Amino acid sequence: MDIETEPTWIAEIGNLHRHGFNSLVAIVDIILLAYPVKIMHFVYTCAYGWCYAIVIFIYWVQDPKKNIVYKQIDYGKPVQIMVIFTMLTLLTLAMQTFHFFAYQLKFNF
C-alpha cells in the first residue's frame, strides 16, 4: 500500500503534518519575531524558485520522457510553463505583501 496515494487516515495525518504544521509555525514566527519585513524581499524567494525551475529544466532535458519531476510542468509546452511560473511569481509577491502587512499590523497594536 502506498501511503502517499491511498486515502487512509495515516495519509491524512501526514498531509496535515506536512502542510498544516508548517503553516502554523510560519504564522507563529510572524507573530512572535520582530525581524524586519519588506515587500522587496520577495525577490530572493523568486530568485530561488526560478533557479529551481532551471534545475528542473536541465534535468528534464536529459530525458524528456522519463525525467518528469511534476506532471503539471510540461516543458514541451513553453507557453504553459511561462504562465505557470509567472503566476507563481505573482503569488509570491502577493504572499510577501500579506506578510508585510501582517508585520505592520503587529506594530500598530
Protein backbone atom coordinates (compact mmCIF):
# COMPACT_ATOMS: atom_id res chain seq x y z
CA MET A 1 0.00 0.00 0.00
CA ASP A 2 1.37 3.42 -0.97
CA ILE A 3 0.69 5.76 1.94
CA GLU A 4 1.06 8.84 -0.28
CA THR A 5 -1.74 7.85 -2.68
CA GLU A 6 -4.07 5.69 -0.59
CA PRO A 7 -6.85 7.71 1.10
CA THR A 8 -6.23 6.45 4.61
CA TRP A 9 -6.15 8.28 7.92
CA ILE A 10 -2.37 7.77 8.03
CA ALA A 11 -2.00 9.67 4.75
CA GLU A 12 -4.24 12.46 6.09
CA ILE A 13 -2.11 12.80 9.23
CA GLY A 14 1.00 13.00 7.06
CA ASN A 15 -0.66 15.57 4.82
CA LEU A 16 -1.75 17.64 7.82
CA HIS A 17 1.72 17.46 9.32
CA ARG A 18 3.40 18.36 6.02
CA HIS A 19 1.21 21.39 5.25
CA GLY A 20 -0.69 22.42 8.37
CA PHE A 21 2.13 22.32 10.90
CA ASN A 22 4.42 24.23 8.56
CA SER A 23 1.79 26.97 8.14
CA LEU A 24 1.18 27.13 11.88
CA VAL A 25 4.88 27.53 12.62
CA ALA A 26 5.17 30.26 9.96
CA ILE A 27 2.24 32.21 11.44
CA VAL A 28 3.65 31.93 14.96
CA ASP A 29 7.02 33.05 13.60
CA ILE A 30 5.42 36.16 12.05
CA ILE A 31 3.59 36.99 15.28
CA LEU A 32 6.44 36.46 17.75
CA LEU A 33 9.59 37.55 15.97
CA ALA A 34 10.40 41.14 15.10
CA TYR A 35 12.74 40.74 12.15
CA PRO A 36 12.13 43.42 9.52
CA VAL A 37 9.92 42.51 6.58
CA LYS A 38 9.91 44.44 3.34
CA ILE A 39 7.87 43.83 0.22
CA MET A 40 11.02 43.68 -1.93
CA HIS A 41 12.16 40.60 -0.01
CA PHE A 42 10.06 38.57 -2.46
CA VAL A 43 12.94 38.94 -4.94
CA TYR A 44 15.01 36.39 -3.00
CA THR A 45 12.20 33.84 -2.93
CA CYS A 46 11.52 34.33 -6.63
CA ALA A 47 15.21 34.01 -7.48
CA TYR A 48 15.32 30.72 -5.57
CA GLY A 49 12.18 29.49 -7.35
CA TRP A 50 13.48 30.41 -10.79
CA CYS A 51 16.82 28.71 -10.07
CA TYR A 52 14.87 25.61 -9.02
CA ALA A 53 12.90 25.81 -12.28
CA ILE A 54 16.15 25.97 -14.26
CA VAL A 55 17.48 22.90 -12.44
CA ILE A 56 14.25 21.02 -13.18
CA PHE A 57 14.54 22.07 -16.84
CA ILE A 58 18.14 20.85 -17.07
CA TYR A 59 17.07 17.55 -15.50
CA TRP A 60 14.14 17.28 -17.94
CA VAL A 61 16.35 17.98 -20.98
CA GLN A 62 18.46 14.91 -20.20
CA ASP A 63 15.48 12.59 -20.88
CA PRO A 64 12.16 14.39 -21.58
CA LYS A 65 10.04 11.23 -21.40
CA LYS A 66 11.45 9.79 -18.19
CA ASN A 67 12.71 12.75 -16.15
CA ILE A 68 9.44 14.40 -15.18
CA VAL A 69 9.53 15.95 -11.72
CA TYR A 70 5.97 17.33 -11.71
CA LYS A 71 3.17 16.22 -14.02
CA GLN A 72 1.80 19.77 -14.26
CA ILE A 73 5.10 21.15 -15.57
CA ASP A 74 5.48 20.02 -19.17
CA TYR A 75 8.48 21.77 -20.69
CA GLY A 76 7.24 20.65 -24.09
CA LYS A 77 4.63 23.44 -23.76
CA PRO A 78 6.70 26.61 -23.21
CA VAL A 79 3.71 28.99 -23.10
CA GLN A 80 2.08 26.95 -20.33
CA ILE A 81 5.38 26.91 -18.40
CA MET A 82 5.79 30.68 -18.65
CA VAL A 83 2.20 31.22 -17.48
CA ILE A 84 2.71 28.87 -14.50
CA PHE A 85 6.00 30.46 -13.46
CA THR A 86 4.61 33.98 -13.92
CA MET A 87 1.59 33.11 -11.78
CA LEU A 88 3.86 31.62 -9.11
CA THR A 89 5.96 34.79 -9.14
CA LEU A 90 2.83 36.93 -8.71
CA LEU A 91 1.60 34.63 -5.95
CA THR A 92 4.95 35.03 -4.20
CA LEU A 93 4.59 38.81 -4.45
CA ALA A 94 1.05 38.63 -3.04
CA MET A 95 2.13 36.42 -0.13
CA GLN A 96 5.07 38.71 0.65
CA THR A 97 2.71 41.70 0.62
CA PHE A 98 0.42 39.86 3.05
CA HIS A 99 3.43 39.05 5.23
CA PHE A 100 4.48 42.72 5.16
CA PHE A 101 1.04 43.95 6.24
CA ALA A 102 0.86 41.30 8.98
CA TYR A 103 4.23 42.56 10.18
CA GLN A 104 3.00 46.18 10.11
CA LEU A 105 -0.22 45.22 11.92
CA LYS A 106 1.81 43.81 14.77
CA PHE A 107 3.36 47.22 15.44
CA ASN A 108 0.02 49.04 15.36
CA PHE A 109 -1.36 47.13 18.35
